[in-house]
Amino acid sequence: MGIGIWQALIVLLIIVLLFGTKRLRNIGSDLGSAIKGFKKSVNDDSETKPQEKTNDQVEHQQQSAATRTDHKDQ
């Protein structure tokens, strides 16, 4: 049969009464942030995959990062 508009409104009202609007707002915000982070990580992975780094490039980046941290310590 399916859920009608009145049944959906009653369910929504019960959920609001159980959890409160503040908690529902926080849950929605947390869920939105999680989805945004997930999309960002998926996009970052798809951008870096076609540009597979060679071992020489990785070693060069590690050496330059180590050099930068050594200079900061001094």
N, C-alpha and C. Protein backbone atom coordinates (compact mmCIF):
# COMPACT_ATOMS: atom_id res chain seq x y z
N MET A 1 0.81 -1.19 0.00
CA MET A 1 0.00 0.00 0.00
C MET A 1 0.86 1.26 0.00
N GLY A 2 1.86 1.37 0.81
CA GLY A 2 2.69 2.56 0.85
C GLY A 2 2.28 3.48 1.98
N ILE A 3 3.16 4.37 2.30
CA ILE A 3 2.93 5.31 3.40
C ILE A 3 2.36 6.60 2.82
N GLY A 4 1.28 7.06 3.40
CA GLY A 4 0.66 8.30 2.97
C GLY A 4 1.31 9.49 3.66
N ILE A 5 0.89 10.68 3.29
CA ILE A 5 1.47 11.90 3.85
C ILE A 5 1.18 12.01 5.34
N TRP A 6 -0.01 11.59 5.77
CA TRP A 6 -0.36 11.72 7.19
C TRP A 6 0.45 10.75 8.04
N GLN A 7 0.68 9.55 7.56
CA GLN A 7 1.49 8.60 8.31
C GLN A 7 2.93 9.09 8.42
N ALA A 8 3.46 9.66 7.34
CA ALA A 8 4.82 10.19 7.37
C ALA A 8 4.93 11.36 8.34
N LEU A 9 3.93 12.22 8.39
CA LEU A 9 3.94 13.34 9.33
C LEU A 9 3.87 12.87 10.78
N ILE A 10 3.06 11.85 11.04
CA ILE A 10 2.96 11.30 12.40
C ILE A 10 4.29 10.69 12.82
N VAL A 11 4.94 9.94 11.94
CA VAL A 11 6.24 9.35 12.24
C VAL A 11 7.27 10.45 12.50
N LEU A 12 7.28 11.50 11.68
CA LEU A 12 8.19 12.62 11.87
C LEU A 12 7.95 13.31 13.20
N LEU A 13 6.69 13.50 13.57
CA LEU A 13 6.35 14.13 14.84
C LEU A 13 6.83 13.28 16.02
N ILE A 14 6.68 11.97 15.94
CA ILE A 14 7.14 11.08 17.01
C ILE A 14 8.66 11.15 17.14
N ILE A 15 9.36 11.16 16.01
CA ILE A 15 10.82 11.25 16.03
C ILE A 15 11.28 12.56 16.66
N VAL A 16 10.62 13.66 16.32
CA VAL A 16 10.98 14.96 16.89
C VAL A 16 10.72 14.96 18.39
N LEU A 17 9.62 14.38 18.81
CA LEU A 17 9.31 14.32 20.24
C LEU A 17 10.30 13.45 21.00
N LEU A 18 10.75 12.36 20.40
CA LEU A 18 11.69 11.47 21.07
C LEU A 18 13.09 12.08 21.19
N PHE A 19 13.59 12.66 20.11
CA PHE A 19 14.96 13.11 20.09
C PHE A 19 15.13 14.61 20.34
N GLY A 20 14.16 15.39 20.01
CA GLY A 20 14.27 16.83 20.14
C GLY A 20 14.93 17.44 18.92
N THR A 21 14.61 18.71 18.66
CA THR A 21 15.10 19.34 17.45
C THR A 21 16.60 19.60 17.50
N LYS A 22 17.13 19.91 18.67
CA LYS A 22 18.56 20.20 18.79
C LYS A 22 19.39 18.95 18.45
N ARG A 23 19.00 17.82 19.00
CA ARG A 23 19.74 16.58 18.74
C ARG A 23 19.61 16.18 17.27
N LEU A 24 18.42 16.35 16.69
CA LEU A 24 18.24 16.02 15.27
C LEU A 24 19.09 16.94 14.39
N ARG A 25 19.19 18.21 14.77
CA ARG A 25 20.01 19.15 14.01
C ARG A 25 21.48 18.73 14.08
N ASN A 26 21.93 18.31 15.28
CA ASN A 26 23.32 17.87 15.43
C ASN A 26 23.59 16.60 14.62
N ILE A 27 22.65 15.69 14.64
CA ILE A 27 22.80 14.45 13.86
C ILE A 27 22.88 14.76 12.37
N GLY A 28 22.02 15.66 11.91
CA GLY A 28 22.04 16.05 10.50
C GLY A 28 23.35 16.72 10.12
N SER A 29 23.85 17.57 11.00
CA SER A 29 25.11 18.25 10.75
C SER A 29 26.27 17.27 10.70
N ASP A 30 26.30 16.33 11.63
CA ASP A 30 27.36 15.32 11.65
C ASP A 30 27.29 14.43 10.42
N LEU A 31 26.10 14.06 10.02
CA LEU A 31 25.93 13.23 8.83
C LEU A 31 26.38 13.97 7.58
N GLY A 32 26.02 15.25 7.49
CA GLY A 32 26.45 16.05 6.35
C GLY A 32 27.96 16.19 6.27
N SER A 33 28.61 16.40 7.43
CA SER A 33 30.06 16.50 7.47
C SER A 33 30.73 15.19 7.06
N ALA A 34 30.15 14.08 7.51
CA ALA A 34 30.70 12.77 7.16
C ALA A 34 30.60 12.52 5.65
N ILE A 35 29.47 12.87 5.07
CA ILE A 35 29.29 12.68 3.63
C ILE A 35 30.24 13.58 2.85
N LYS A 36 30.40 14.81 3.32
CA LYS A 36 31.30 15.76 2.65
C LYS A 36 32.74 15.25 2.70
N GLY A 37 33.17 14.74 3.86
CA GLY A 37 34.51 14.19 3.99
C GLY A 37 34.71 12.97 3.10
N PHE A 38 33.69 12.12 3.03
CA PHE A 38 33.78 10.93 2.19
C PHE A 38 33.92 11.31 0.72
N LYS A 39 33.11 12.27 0.26
CA LYS A 39 33.19 12.71 -1.13
C LYS A 39 34.56 13.32 -1.43
N LYS A 40 35.10 14.08 -0.48
CA LYS A 40 36.41 14.70 -0.68
C LYS A 40 37.50 13.63 -0.80
N SER A 41 37.44 12.62 0.05
CA SER A 41 38.47 11.58 -0.02
C SER A 41 38.34 10.77 -1.30
N VAL A 42 37.13 10.53 -1.77
CA VAL A 42 36.94 9.80 -3.02
C VAL A 42 37.49 10.62 -4.18
N ASN A 43 37.23 11.93 -4.19
CA ASN A 43 37.74 12.78 -5.25
C ASN A 43 39.26 12.87 -5.20
N ASP A 44 39.85 12.95 -4.01
CA ASP A 44 41.30 13.00 -3.88
C ASP A 44 41.94 11.72 -4.39
N ASP A 45 41.33 10.57 -4.08
CA ASP A 45 41.86 9.29 -4.55
C ASP A 45 41.79 9.19 -6.06
N SER A 46 40.70 9.64 -6.65
CA SER A 46 40.56 9.53 -8.10
C SER A 46 41.51 10.48 -8.82
N GLU A 47 41.88 11.59 -8.18
CA GLU A 47 42.82 12.52 -8.81
C GLU A 47 44.25 12.01 -8.74
N THR A 48 44.62 11.32 -7.67
CA THR A 48 46.00 10.86 -7.50
C THR A 48 46.27 9.53 -8.20
N LYS A 49 45.26 8.72 -8.42
CA LYS A 49 45.49 7.42 -9.04
C LYS A 49 46.07 7.50 -10.45
N PRO A 50 45.54 8.32 -11.35
CA PRO A 50 46.11 8.35 -12.69
C PRO A 50 47.56 8.85 -12.71
N GLN A 51 47.95 9.58 -11.70
CA GLN A 51 49.30 10.13 -11.64
C GLN A 51 50.15 9.30 -10.68
N GLU A 52 50.24 8.02 -10.92
CA GLU A 52 51.01 7.14 -10.05
C GLU A 52 52.44 7.66 -9.95
N LYS A 53 52.90 7.78 -8.72
CA LYS A 53 54.23 8.32 -8.49
C LYS A 53 55.28 7.22 -8.60
N THR A 54 56.41 7.56 -9.17
CA THR A 54 57.49 6.60 -9.24
C THR A 54 58.22 6.57 -7.92
N ASN A 55 59.04 5.56 -7.70
CA ASN A 55 59.80 5.44 -6.47
C ASN A 55 60.75 6.62 -6.29
N ASP A 56 61.34 7.10 -7.38
CA ASP A 56 62.26 8.24 -7.29
C ASP A 56 61.53 9.49 -6.80
N GLN A 57 60.31 9.71 -7.29
CA GLN A 57 59.55 10.87 -6.86
C GLN A 57 59.20 10.78 -5.38
N VAL A 58 58.82 9.59 -4.92
CA VAL A 58 58.46 9.39 -3.52
C VAL A 58 59.68 9.61 -2.64
N GLU A 59 60.83 9.06 -3.03
CA GLU A 59 62.05 9.25 -2.24
C GLU A 59 62.44 10.72 -2.18
N HIS A 60 62.32 11.43 -3.30
CA HIS A 60 62.65 12.84 -3.33
C HIS A 60 61.74 13.64 -2.39
N GLN A 61 60.45 13.32 -2.37
CA GLN A 61 59.52 14.01 -1.49
C GLN A 61 59.84 13.72 -0.03
N GLN A 62 60.19 12.48 0.27
CA GLN A 62 60.53 12.13 1.65
C GLN A 62 61.80 12.85 2.09
N GLN A 63 62.79 12.93 1.21
CA GLN A 63 64.04 13.61 1.56
C GLN A 63 63.80 15.11 1.76
N SER A 64 63.01 15.72 0.89
CA SER A 64 62.76 17.15 1.04
C SER A 64 61.93 17.43 2.29
N ALA A 65 61.02 16.53 2.65
CA ALA A 65 60.25 16.71 3.87
C ALA A 65 61.15 16.57 5.09
N ALA A 66 62.06 15.61 5.06
CA ALA A 66 62.99 15.44 6.18
C ALA A 66 63.91 16.64 6.30
N THR A 67 64.33 17.19 5.19
CA THR A 67 65.20 18.36 5.20
C THR A 67 64.46 19.55 5.79
N ARG A 68 63.21 19.72 5.42
CA ARG A 68 62.42 20.84 5.95
C ARG A 68 62.25 20.72 7.46
N THR A 69 62.03 19.53 7.97
CA THR A 69 61.85 19.37 9.41
C THR A 69 63.17 19.57 10.14
N ASP A 70 64.29 19.19 9.51
CA ASP A 70 65.60 19.41 10.11
C ASP A 70 65.90 20.91 10.23
N HIS A 71 65.54 21.66 9.22
CA HIS A 71 65.77 23.10 9.25
C HIS A 71 64.90 23.79 10.29
N LYS A 72 63.71 23.30 10.50
CA LYS A 72 62.82 23.89 11.49
C LYS A 72 63.35 23.66 12.90
N ASP A 73 63.96 22.52 13.14
CA ASP A 73 64.46 22.16 14.47
C ASP A 73 65.65 23.04 14.86
N GLN A 74 66.39 23.55 13.90
CA GLN A 74 67.60 24.31 14.21
C GLN A 74 67.29 25.68 14.57
